[in-house]
Protein backbone atom coordinates (compact mmCIF):
# COMPACT_ATOMS: atom_id res chain seq x y z
CA ILE A 1 -44.99 -87.42 5.35
CA ARG A 2 -44.79 -84.76 8.03
CA GLU A 3 -41.49 -84.61 9.90
CA THR A 4 -41.72 -82.69 13.17
CA ILE A 5 -38.60 -80.86 14.36
CA ALA A 6 -38.58 -79.65 17.95
CA ASP A 7 -37.90 -75.94 18.41
CA ARG A 8 -35.06 -76.69 20.77
CA GLU A 9 -33.14 -78.54 18.05
CA LEU A 10 -30.55 -76.48 16.22
CA GLU A 11 -30.29 -76.62 12.45
CA THR A 12 -26.91 -75.52 11.09
CA TRP A 13 -25.98 -74.78 7.50
CA MET A 14 -22.33 -74.47 6.50
CA LEU A 15 -21.54 -72.60 3.29
CA ILE A 16 -18.05 -73.88 2.49
CA ASP A 17 -15.89 -72.12 -0.08
CA ARG A 18 -13.76 -74.63 -2.01
CA SER A 19 -12.71 -72.41 -4.87
CA PRO A 20 -9.20 -72.89 -6.35
CA ARG A 21 -7.83 -69.78 -4.62
CA LEU A 22 -7.99 -71.68 -1.35
CA ASP A 23 -5.51 -74.25 -2.68
CA PHE A 24 -2.73 -72.01 -1.40
CA GLY A 25 -0.70 -71.57 1.74
CA THR A 26 2.76 -70.49 2.83
CA ALA A 27 2.72 -71.32 6.55
CA SER A 28 1.93 -74.51 8.47
CA CYS A 29 -0.94 -75.45 6.13
CA GLU A 30 -2.86 -74.38 3.04
CA LYS A 31 -6.07 -72.42 3.27
CA ARG A 32 -8.00 -75.46 2.03
CA ASP A 33 -6.70 -77.37 5.09
CA LEU A 34 -7.94 -74.58 7.32
CA VAL A 35 -11.36 -74.71 5.64
CA LEU A 36 -11.53 -78.43 6.42
CA ALA A 37 -10.45 -77.84 10.04
CA ALA A 38 -13.01 -75.07 10.51
CA SER A 39 -15.76 -77.26 9.05
CA ALA A 40 -14.82 -80.04 11.45
CA GLY A 41 -14.69 -77.68 14.43
CA VAL A 42 -18.06 -76.10 13.70
CA GLY A 43 -19.59 -79.50 13.00
CA LEU A 44 -18.35 -81.01 16.26
CA LEU A 45 -19.61 -78.00 18.23
CA THR A 46 -23.10 -78.06 16.70
CA ALA A 47 -23.84 -81.67 15.73
CA LYS A 48 -24.81 -82.80 19.21
CA GLY A 49 -27.94 -84.57 20.34
CA ALA A 50 -30.74 -84.14 17.82
CA ASN A 51 -29.15 -81.12 16.12
CA ARG A 52 -28.91 -81.25 12.35
CA VAL A 53 -26.04 -80.08 10.13
CA GLY A 54 -26.16 -79.42 6.41
CA ALA A 55 -23.52 -78.12 4.05
CA MET A 56 -23.29 -76.40 0.71
CA LEU A 57 -19.96 -76.56 -1.13
CA LEU A 58 -19.20 -73.58 -3.32
CA ARG A 59 -16.74 -73.82 -6.21
CA GLY A 60 -16.96 -71.05 -8.76
CA ASP A 61 -20.58 -70.95 -9.86
CA ASP A 62 -21.18 -74.56 -8.82
CA LEU A 63 -23.18 -75.26 -5.67
CA THR A 64 -23.34 -78.74 -4.15
CA PRO A 65 -25.94 -78.88 -1.36
CA GLY A 66 -26.28 -81.53 1.30
CA PRO A 67 -29.48 -81.34 3.41
CA PRO A 68 -29.25 -81.07 7.21
CA ARG A 69 -29.09 -84.43 8.95
CA GLN A 70 -28.25 -85.72 12.39
CA GLY A 71 -25.32 -87.75 13.55
CA ARG A 72 -21.60 -88.23 13.28
CA ARG A 73 -21.85 -90.15 10.03
CA ASN A 74 -23.42 -87.15 8.33
CA LEU A 75 -20.63 -84.85 9.58
CA LEU A 76 -17.95 -87.27 8.38
CA ALA A 77 -19.64 -87.37 4.97
CA ILE A 78 -19.53 -83.55 4.80
CA LEU A 79 -15.85 -83.49 5.71
CA ASP A 80 -15.11 -86.19 3.15
CA ARG A 81 -16.75 -84.06 0.44
CA VAL A 82 -14.65 -81.06 1.45
CA LEU A 83 -11.45 -83.13 1.49
CA ALA A 84 -12.20 -84.78 -1.87
CA THR A 85 -12.71 -81.51 -3.75
CA PRO A 86 -10.11 -81.64 -6.54
CA ARG A 87 -7.48 -79.05 -7.24
CA GLN A 88 -8.42 -77.36 -10.48
CA ASP A 89 -7.10 -74.20 -12.11
CA GLY A 90 -9.50 -71.91 -13.90
CA ALA A 91 -12.67 -72.91 -12.04
CA GLY A 92 -13.39 -69.23 -11.33
CA THR A 93 -13.86 -67.21 -8.18
CA ALA A 94 -16.47 -68.19 -5.63
CA ASP A 95 -19.85 -66.47 -5.96
CA LEU A 96 -20.57 -65.98 -2.25
CA GLY A 97 -23.67 -63.92 -2.98
CA LYS A 98 -25.21 -66.78 -4.96
CA GLY A 99 -24.30 -69.28 -2.26
CA LEU A 100 -25.81 -67.15 0.51
CA ARG A 101 -29.04 -66.64 -1.44
CA GLN A 102 -29.29 -70.40 -2.00
CA VAL A 103 -28.71 -71.16 1.69
CA GLY A 104 -31.36 -68.58 2.63
CA ALA A 105 -33.85 -70.26 0.30
CA MET A 106 -33.11 -73.76 1.62
CA ALA A 107 -33.14 -72.82 5.33
CA PRO A 108 -36.54 -71.26 6.12
CA ARG A 109 -36.38 -72.34 9.78
CA ARG A 110 -34.34 -70.10 12.08
CA GLY A 111 -30.95 -71.60 12.88
CA LEU A 112 -27.22 -71.08 12.46
CA VAL A 113 -25.47 -70.31 9.16
CA VAL A 114 -21.67 -70.56 9.05
CA VAL A 115 -19.79 -69.16 6.05
CA ILE A 116 -16.23 -70.46 5.67
CA SER A 117 -14.19 -68.60 3.06
CA ASP A 118 -11.28 -66.21 2.54
CA PHE A 119 -13.86 -63.62 1.37
CA LEU A 120 -11.34 -62.26 -1.15
CA THR A 121 -14.00 -61.01 -3.54
CA ASP A 122 -15.67 -57.62 -3.75
CA PRO A 123 -17.81 -57.26 -0.57
CA ASP A 124 -20.48 -55.50 -2.64
CA THR A 125 -21.18 -58.83 -4.37
CA TRP A 126 -22.19 -60.60 -1.13
CA ARG A 127 -22.91 -57.90 1.49
CA MET A 128 -26.69 -57.67 0.86
CA ALA A 129 -27.12 -61.44 0.64
CA LEU A 130 -25.28 -61.87 3.95
CA GLY A 131 -27.46 -59.24 5.60
CA SER A 132 -30.62 -60.94 4.33
CA VAL A 133 -29.56 -64.29 5.78
CA ALA A 134 -28.65 -62.61 9.09
CA LEU A 135 -32.19 -61.22 9.42
CA ARG A 136 -33.49 -64.75 10.00
CA HIS A 137 -30.47 -66.72 11.22
CA SER A 138 -27.50 -66.37 13.52
CA VAL A 139 -24.55 -66.03 11.16
CA LEU A 140 -20.88 -66.76 11.77
CA CYS A 141 -18.33 -65.81 9.11
CA VAL A 142 -15.06 -67.75 9.40
CA GLN A 143 -12.38 -65.99 7.35
CA VAL A 144 -9.27 -68.00 6.49
CA VAL A 145 -6.13 -65.96 5.95
CA ASP A 146 -2.56 -66.68 4.86
CA PRO A 147 0.29 -64.27 5.76
CA ARG A 148 0.90 -63.65 2.05
CA ASP A 149 -2.66 -62.29 1.79
CA LEU A 150 -1.42 -59.37 3.88
CA GLU A 151 2.20 -58.77 2.93
CA LEU A 152 4.97 -59.89 0.57
CA PRO A 153 8.45 -60.94 1.72
CA PRO A 154 11.55 -59.64 -0.11
CA VAL A 155 12.51 -62.82 -1.97
CA GLY A 156 13.28 -61.53 -5.45
CA VAL A 157 11.28 -61.98 -8.65
CA LEU A 158 8.25 -64.27 -8.28
CA HIS A 159 5.89 -65.64 -10.92
CA PHE A 160 2.32 -65.48 -9.57
CA VAL A 161 -0.53 -67.56 -10.98
CA ASP A 162 -4.18 -66.98 -10.08
CA PRO A 163 -5.55 -70.56 -9.67
CA ALA A 164 -9.12 -69.34 -10.19
CA THR A 165 -8.58 -67.67 -13.56
CA GLY A 166 -5.15 -68.83 -14.72
CA ALA A 167 -3.92 -65.22 -14.99
CA THR A 168 -0.18 -64.75 -14.40
CA ARG A 169 2.02 -61.89 -13.28
CA GLU A 170 5.73 -61.47 -12.60
CA VAL A 171 6.52 -59.40 -9.51
CA ASN A 172 9.81 -58.13 -8.12
CA THR A 173 9.30 -58.50 -4.37
CA ASP A 174 12.62 -56.78 -3.64
CA ASP A 175 10.89 -53.50 -4.56
CA LYS A 176 10.20 -51.91 -1.18
CA ALA A 177 7.65 -49.45 -2.59
CA LEU A 178 5.75 -52.30 -4.22
CA ARG A 179 5.66 -54.27 -0.97
CA SER A 180 4.38 -51.18 0.84
CA ARG A 181 1.61 -50.61 -1.71
CA TYR A 182 0.64 -54.28 -1.50
CA ALA A 183 0.43 -54.18 2.31
CA ASP A 184 -1.65 -50.98 2.24
CA ALA A 185 -4.06 -52.40 -0.36
CA ALA A 186 -4.35 -55.69 1.54
CA GLY A 187 -5.05 -53.82 4.79
CA ARG A 188 -7.83 -51.80 3.15
CA GLN A 189 -9.29 -54.94 1.59
CA HIS A 190 -9.43 -56.86 4.86
CA ALA A 191 -10.87 -53.84 6.69
CA ALA A 192 -13.62 -53.65 4.05
CA ILE A 193 -14.35 -57.37 4.49
CA ALA A 194 -14.64 -57.01 8.28
CA ALA A 195 -16.88 -53.94 7.92
CA ALA A 196 -19.16 -55.73 5.45
CA ILE A 197 -19.52 -58.72 7.78
CA ARG A 198 -20.25 -56.53 10.83
CA SER A 199 -22.74 -54.35 8.91
CA GLY A 200 -24.92 -57.40 8.35
CA GLY A 201 -24.99 -58.29 12.05
CA SER A 202 -22.82 -61.39 11.66
CA ASP A 203 -20.09 -62.70 13.95
CA HIS A 204 -16.57 -62.72 12.50
CA VAL A 205 -13.69 -65.07 13.29
CA VAL A 206 -10.32 -64.93 11.53
CA LEU A 207 -8.27 -68.14 11.27
CA ARG A 208 -4.70 -67.91 9.98
CA THR A 209 -2.57 -70.61 8.40
CA ASP A 210 0.23 -69.56 10.75
CA GLY A 211 -1.97 -69.53 13.85
CA ASP A 212 -3.87 -71.86 16.20
CA TRP A 213 -7.30 -72.33 14.59
CA LEU A 214 -8.65 -74.39 17.47
CA LEU A 215 -7.76 -71.71 20.00
CA GLU A 216 -9.44 -69.01 17.92
CA LEU A 217 -12.65 -71.03 17.63
CA ALA A 218 -12.59 -71.71 21.38
CA ARG A 219 -12.17 -67.98 22.07
CA HIS A 220 -15.15 -67.19 19.85
CA VAL A 221 -17.34 -69.74 21.64
CA THR A 222 -16.27 -68.30 25.01
CA ARG A 223 -17.02 -64.72 23.91
CA ARG A 224 -20.40 -65.72 22.52
CA ARG A 225 -21.32 -67.61 25.69
CA HIS A 226 -20.28 -64.64 27.83
CA ARG A 227 -22.33 -62.27 25.65
CA ALA A 228 -25.38 -64.53 25.92
CA GLU A 229 -25.02 -64.70 29.71
CA MET A 230 -24.74 -60.93 29.95
CA THR A 231 -27.85 -60.49 27.80
CA ALA A 232 -29.78 -63.02 29.88
CA GLY A 233 -28.67 -61.26 33.07
CA ARG A 234 -29.97 -57.89 31.86
CA ARG A 235 -33.32 -59.44 30.95
CA THR A 236 -33.83 -60.86 34.44
CA ARG A 237 -33.21 -57.52 36.18
């Protein structure tokens, strides 16, 4: 059976990171809540008319694809899958490179790819895969961030547990030098993430658990629309 898809219809793939490290948050919500909100926002913006939205959930090495379909019911099913992902320690870190390669293989037709993650893995493991996807598709990377990803408060001795691996560490957050080293390392890490995303030609939006995610998405849409209008204006001159 041949299924014809009009060129004007947009096909969107969302690569959604639901690894255990996102089951964390110290502000108004957890990062997993922000992932759900971003998925809903992107879905509502793109799933209009005859546009099709698909999603691939990434948890450790496990990939759960859902083919692009039309309609509100499909979007609600995607959000339900994101919401129903269980909390589970030791599932491992997300393999973004693997997920991006799989999305690239399943989306041969030019469209939009949205990656929703905290990107807290080595950029060298996903940089090339992201660039390859961006050669064919428009790519938006939505990075979810908690304030504790960037700095530690002075609240005494804390017992940290990595939900992805189960590793533990005891840290004295009253140590000013330690907090300074943490902030410096976190700053370098997030700068490297932003540089890796930009080097592949992808758009980058940062959503924080202590911020207004809806406002940030609206700002991105406004900037992108303005950029498209400017480009169209130069072409008509």
